Amino acid sequence: MAISLPQAYLAKVSIQIPSSTQILLNRNHDSRQRVFSHRRQTSISNVSPLRSPVTVSALSNSQGIGSTLVGEEVADVLDRVQVFDLSGNSILISDLWKDRKAVVAFARHFGCVLCRKRADYLVAKKDRMDASGVALVLIGPGSVEQAKTFSEQTKFVGEVYADPSYSSYAALGFVSGLSTIFTPGAGLNVIQAYIDGYRQDWALSFEKDTRTRGGWQQGGIIVAGPGKANVSYVHRDKEAGDDPDIDDILKACCS
C-alpha cells in the first residue's frame, strides 16, 4: 500500500530509524505490542523537561491501579483548569470525573494522525466502558473550532473538549519537545498509522498555535473519578504514538 507522508518529515525520521527495525512492520500486531510494551517500561526521567513549574511525583510511563496517583498540589491545580466543550462552554476539568469514573485521553493536537488512531483504539472498547458506567473523554490542546473539526472528521463517540491554555497538560506532567517527536519508535508509529489508513489533517497541524506549541506536545491517558482528586491510573506518552496496553486501561476503569 502506498504511504503518503510529507517528504520533510520522512527525511527527518529516516535518518534515525535503523534499517533493521523495518522488519517490525511485517510482524503481526501482537509482536508489535510486545516490542512497544517493553519500550514503555523505561523511565521518563531522560525526557526533555516540562514547561511548567508544577511539581509532579516521579512515575514510570504507566502507573496504577488502586491508589490516587497525583499529589494534592496537582489535584488542586486540576481543580482550577478550565476546558471547553464543543459549544464553547467552559467547565472545570475535574468536574468531568467528579461524579463518575472516566477514561480521559489527552491528544497531542487535533490534527495528529496518531491521535485519530488512539481515538479508534479507545472507542473499540466503549461498549465495555458503557457497561461499567465509565465515560470516555478526549481532550486536545487547541481551540473549540479545532475540537469541532476533529469530532466531525473522526465521528468520535465520546466527549470532546478543548484545552487552549495547555494547563491540564502542564499539571499532569505531559512531556513536550523535539526529542519526543523524532525518535525511531515515533517514526514507526506514524508509518503504521498510515498503513492502517489514518491520515494527518495538515491544515489543523499547521495552524499557528499548533505549529508553535502543540506540534511538539505529547499527551497521555488517565482514569479518574468518582471524586475530583481520585486519579487511579496515569499513562504519560514518552514519544508520539506511545499507546498503553488497552487491558491496563480496562483493568483500571472497568474491573
Protein backbone atom coordinates (compact mmCIF):
# COMPACT_ATOMS: atom_id res chain seq x y z
CA MET A 1 0.00 0.00 0.00
CA ALA A 2 1.38 3.37 -0.93
CA ILE A 3 2.13 5.67 2.02
CA SER A 4 1.70 9.39 1.58
CA LEU A 5 3.92 11.21 4.07
CA PRO A 6 5.45 14.69 3.75
CA GLN A 7 8.98 14.44 2.39
CA ALA A 8 10.36 16.82 5.02
CA TYR A 9 9.07 14.57 7.81
CA LEU A 10 10.34 11.40 6.20
CA ALA A 11 13.75 12.99 5.74
CA LYS A 12 13.98 13.69 9.44
CA VAL A 13 12.64 10.31 10.52
CA SER A 14 14.54 8.13 8.08
CA ILE A 15 17.98 9.17 9.29
CA GLN A 16 17.11 7.97 12.77
CA ILE A 17 15.38 4.66 12.10
CA PRO A 18 17.85 1.76 11.83
CA SER A 19 17.07 -0.24 8.74
CA SER A 20 16.83 -3.40 10.81
CA THR A 21 13.79 -2.07 12.66
CA GLN A 22 11.78 -2.02 9.43
CA ILE A 23 11.09 -5.71 10.00
CA LEU A 24 8.69 -4.64 12.75
CA LEU A 25 6.23 -3.52 10.09
CA ASN A 26 5.99 -7.08 8.82
CA ARG A 27 5.27 -8.61 12.19
CA ASN A 28 1.78 -9.21 13.45
CA HIS A 29 0.00 -6.89 15.88
CA ASP A 30 0.81 -8.99 18.94
CA SER A 31 4.51 -8.87 18.18
CA ARG A 32 4.44 -5.09 17.80
CA GLN A 33 2.60 -4.77 21.10
CA ARG A 34 5.29 -6.80 22.88
CA VAL A 35 8.03 -4.60 21.44
CA PHE A 36 6.22 -1.40 22.34
CA SER A 37 5.25 -2.73 25.77
CA HIS A 38 8.91 -3.40 26.52
CA ARG A 39 9.84 0.11 25.46
CA ARG A 40 7.11 1.62 27.66
CA GLN A 41 8.67 0.18 30.80
CA THR A 42 11.57 2.65 30.60
CA SER A 43 11.59 5.72 32.81
CA ILE A 44 10.61 9.17 31.56
CA SER A 45 13.43 10.71 33.58
CA ASN A 46 15.52 11.42 30.46
CA VAL A 47 12.75 13.11 28.52
CA SER A 48 13.02 16.85 27.90
CA PRO A 49 11.96 19.00 30.89
CA LEU A 50 8.43 20.31 31.31
CA ARG A 51 7.45 23.85 30.54
CA SER A 52 5.53 24.14 33.82
CA PRO A 53 6.88 24.56 37.35
CA VAL A 54 4.12 22.31 38.72
CA THR A 55 5.63 19.52 40.83
CA VAL A 56 4.55 16.03 39.81
CA SER A 57 5.59 12.83 41.55
CA ALA A 58 8.04 10.78 39.52
CA LEU A 59 6.17 8.00 37.73
CA SER A 60 7.02 5.49 35.07
CA ASN A 61 5.18 5.68 31.75
CA SER A 62 2.09 3.94 33.11
CA GLN A 63 1.11 3.52 36.73
CA GLY A 64 -1.96 2.30 38.61
CA ILE A 65 -4.16 0.78 39.92
CA GLY A 66 -5.90 1.28 43.24
CA SER A 67 -4.37 4.47 44.59
CA THR A 68 -4.52 8.18 43.90
CA LEU A 69 -1.59 8.80 41.58
CA VAL A 70 -1.43 12.58 41.63
CA GLY A 71 -0.44 14.62 44.63
CA GLU A 72 -2.58 17.19 46.39
CA GLU A 73 -0.83 20.03 44.57
CA VAL A 74 -1.61 18.57 41.15
CA ALA A 75 -5.20 17.79 42.15
CA ASP A 76 -5.56 21.38 43.34
CA VAL A 77 -4.24 22.74 40.04
CA LEU A 78 -6.57 20.48 38.04
CA ASP A 79 -9.47 21.76 40.11
CA ARG A 80 -8.79 25.20 38.60
CA VAL A 81 -8.13 24.16 34.99
CA GLN A 82 -10.89 25.05 32.55
CA VAL A 83 -11.65 23.17 29.34
CA PHE A 84 -14.31 23.94 26.75
CA ASP A 85 -17.00 21.75 25.22
CA LEU A 86 -17.94 21.85 21.54
CA SER A 87 -20.44 24.63 22.21
CA GLY A 88 -17.75 26.82 23.77
CA ASN A 89 -18.98 26.37 27.33
CA SER A 90 -16.26 26.25 29.98
CA ILE A 91 -16.09 23.52 32.61
CA LEU A 92 -13.57 22.69 35.30
CA ILE A 93 -11.68 19.65 34.08
CA SER A 94 -12.06 17.89 37.44
CA ASP A 95 -15.85 18.18 37.07
CA LEU A 96 -15.55 15.69 34.18
CA TRP A 97 -14.92 12.95 36.75
CA LYS A 98 -16.34 14.48 39.93
CA ASP A 99 -19.47 12.30 39.94
CA ARG A 100 -18.41 9.44 37.68
CA LYS A 101 -15.46 7.37 36.55
CA ALA A 102 -13.94 8.42 33.23
CA VAL A 103 -11.22 7.36 30.82
CA VAL A 104 -9.69 10.65 29.71
CA ALA A 105 -7.37 10.65 26.69
CA PHE A 106 -5.17 13.67 26.01
CA ALA A 107 -4.35 14.16 22.33
CA ARG A 108 -1.10 15.63 21.03
CA HIS A 109 -3.15 18.03 18.93
CA PHE A 110 -6.38 17.84 16.97
CA GLY A 111 -4.73 17.26 13.58
CA CYS A 112 -2.48 14.42 14.76
CA VAL A 113 -2.70 11.17 12.81
CA LEU A 114 -1.68 9.16 15.87
CA CYS A 115 -4.42 10.76 17.97
CA ARG A 116 -7.01 9.70 15.40
CA LYS A 117 -5.76 6.15 15.71
CA ARG A 118 -5.84 6.41 19.53
CA ALA A 119 -9.43 7.62 19.39
CA ASP A 120 -10.47 4.47 17.50
CA TYR A 121 -8.34 2.32 19.81
CA LEU A 122 -10.41 3.53 22.76
CA VAL A 123 -13.78 3.63 21.01
CA ALA A 124 -13.34 -0.07 20.17
CA LYS A 125 -13.74 -0.76 23.91
CA LYS A 126 -16.52 1.75 24.57
CA ASP A 127 -19.15 -0.98 24.98
CA ARG A 128 -17.13 -2.37 27.87
CA MET A 129 -16.84 1.12 29.37
CA ASP A 130 -20.56 1.79 28.93
CA ALA A 131 -21.41 -1.47 30.67
CA SER A 132 -19.34 -0.34 33.66
CA GLY A 133 -20.79 3.18 33.67
CA VAL A 134 -17.49 4.74 32.60
CA ALA A 135 -17.39 7.85 30.42
CA LEU A 136 -14.96 8.19 27.50
CA VAL A 137 -13.46 11.67 27.12
CA LEU A 138 -10.87 13.15 24.75
CA ILE A 139 -9.15 16.47 25.40
CA GLY A 140 -6.93 18.27 22.91
CA PRO A 141 -4.64 21.29 23.27
CA GLY A 142 -6.29 23.71 20.88
CA SER A 143 -9.33 25.78 20.08
CA VAL A 144 -13.00 24.86 20.22
CA GLU A 145 -13.13 25.12 16.43
CA GLN A 146 -10.29 22.61 16.12
CA ALA A 147 -12.09 20.30 18.54
CA LYS A 148 -15.25 20.53 16.41
CA THR A 149 -13.31 19.67 13.26
CA PHE A 150 -11.70 16.68 14.97
CA SER A 151 -15.08 15.46 16.23
CA GLU A 152 -16.69 15.78 12.81
CA GLN A 153 -13.82 14.08 11.00
CA THR A 154 -13.37 11.16 13.38
CA LYS A 155 -17.02 10.67 14.43
CA PHE A 156 -15.64 10.13 17.93
CA VAL A 157 -18.49 8.79 20.06
CA GLY A 158 -17.10 10.03 23.37
CA GLU A 159 -16.99 13.57 24.71
CA VAL A 160 -14.51 16.05 23.18
CA TYR A 161 -13.11 19.11 24.95
CA ALA A 162 -10.53 21.76 24.10
CA ASP A 163 -7.77 22.99 26.39
CA PRO A 164 -6.45 26.10 24.60
CA SER A 165 -4.21 27.05 27.53
CA TYR A 166 -2.48 23.63 27.73
CA SER A 167 -2.98 23.89 31.51
CA SER A 168 -4.08 20.30 32.05
CA TYR A 169 -1.02 19.05 30.13
CA ALA A 170 1.30 21.06 32.36
CA ALA A 171 -0.45 19.98 35.56
CA LEU A 172 -0.27 16.29 34.66
CA GLY A 173 3.36 16.47 33.62
CA PHE A 174 2.94 15.50 29.98
CA VAL A 175 6.22 15.91 28.13
CA SER A 176 6.98 18.10 25.15
CA GLY A 177 9.87 18.70 22.77
CA LEU A 178 11.59 17.64 19.57
CA SER A 179 13.21 14.70 21.34
CA THR A 180 9.74 13.15 21.80
CA ILE A 181 8.84 13.50 18.11
CA PHE A 182 11.85 12.45 16.06
CA THR A 183 12.53 9.02 17.52
CA PRO A 184 12.67 5.62 15.81
CA GLY A 185 9.60 4.49 17.74
CA ALA A 186 7.58 7.58 16.82
CA GLY A 187 8.57 7.19 13.18
CA LEU A 188 7.42 3.59 13.11
CA ASN A 189 4.17 4.56 14.85
CA VAL A 190 3.41 7.20 12.18
CA ILE A 191 4.19 4.81 9.34
CA GLN A 192 2.00 2.11 10.85
CA ALA A 193 -0.86 4.58 11.33
CA TYR A 194 -0.69 5.48 7.62
CA ILE A 195 -0.62 1.80 6.68
CA ASP A 196 -3.72 1.33 8.83
CA GLY A 197 -5.49 4.04 6.82
CA TYR A 198 -5.25 7.05 9.15
CA ARG A 199 -4.31 10.48 7.85
CA GLN A 200 -2.96 13.67 9.36
CA ASP A 201 -5.03 16.84 8.99
CA TRP A 202 -2.27 19.13 7.80
CA ALA A 203 -4.49 22.22 7.82
CA LEU A 204 -5.09 21.80 11.55
CA SER A 205 -1.49 20.77 12.15
CA PHE A 206 -0.10 23.96 10.64
CA GLU A 207 -2.39 26.42 12.34
CA LYS A 208 -0.19 28.85 14.22
CA ASP A 209 -0.79 27.72 17.80
CA THR A 210 -0.45 24.02 16.95
CA ARG A 211 2.67 24.65 14.91
CA THR A 212 4.40 26.67 17.61
CA ARG A 213 3.27 24.69 20.69
CA GLY A 214 1.04 21.69 20.14
CA GLY A 215 3.14 20.14 17.41
CA TRP A 216 5.75 19.14 19.98
CA GLN A 217 3.33 18.24 22.78
CA GLN A 218 2.74 14.68 23.96
CA GLY A 219 -0.40 13.55 25.72
CA GLY A 220 -1.43 10.56 27.76
CA ILE A 221 -4.38 8.74 29.29
CA ILE A 222 -5.78 8.83 32.81
CA VAL A 223 -8.56 7.02 34.60
CA ALA A 224 -10.19 9.27 37.18
CA GLY A 225 -13.20 9.52 39.47
CA PRO A 226 -15.56 9.43 41.01
CA GLY A 227 -14.19 12.26 43.10
CA LYS A 228 -12.16 15.23 41.87
CA ALA A 229 -8.88 14.09 43.40
CA ASN A 230 -9.29 10.41 42.55
CA VAL A 231 -6.89 9.58 39.70
CA SER A 232 -6.28 5.83 39.75
CA TYR A 233 -4.32 5.34 36.52
CA VAL A 234 -1.84 7.57 34.70
CA HIS A 235 -0.06 6.96 31.42
CA ARG A 236 2.27 9.67 30.09
CA ASP A 237 3.34 9.22 26.48
CA LYS A 238 7.12 9.30 26.23
CA GLU A 239 7.02 9.71 22.44
CA ALA A 240 4.45 10.19 19.70
CA GLY A 241 2.08 7.24 19.44
CA ASP A 242 3.07 5.66 22.75
CA ASP A 243 -0.26 3.92 23.38
CA PRO A 244 -0.57 1.97 26.64
CA ASP A 245 -1.86 -1.59 26.78
CA ILE A 246 -5.66 -1.40 26.45
CA ASP A 247 -6.00 -4.19 29.02
CA ASP A 248 -4.31 -1.98 31.62
CA ILE A 249 -6.84 0.77 30.94
CA LEU A 250 -9.77 -1.61 31.16
CA LYS A 251 -8.44 -3.08 34.40
CA ALA A 252 -8.28 0.41 35.87
CA CYS A 253 -11.68 1.57 34.69
CA CYS A 254 -13.90 -1.49 34.42
CA SER A 255 -12.78 -4.24 36.78
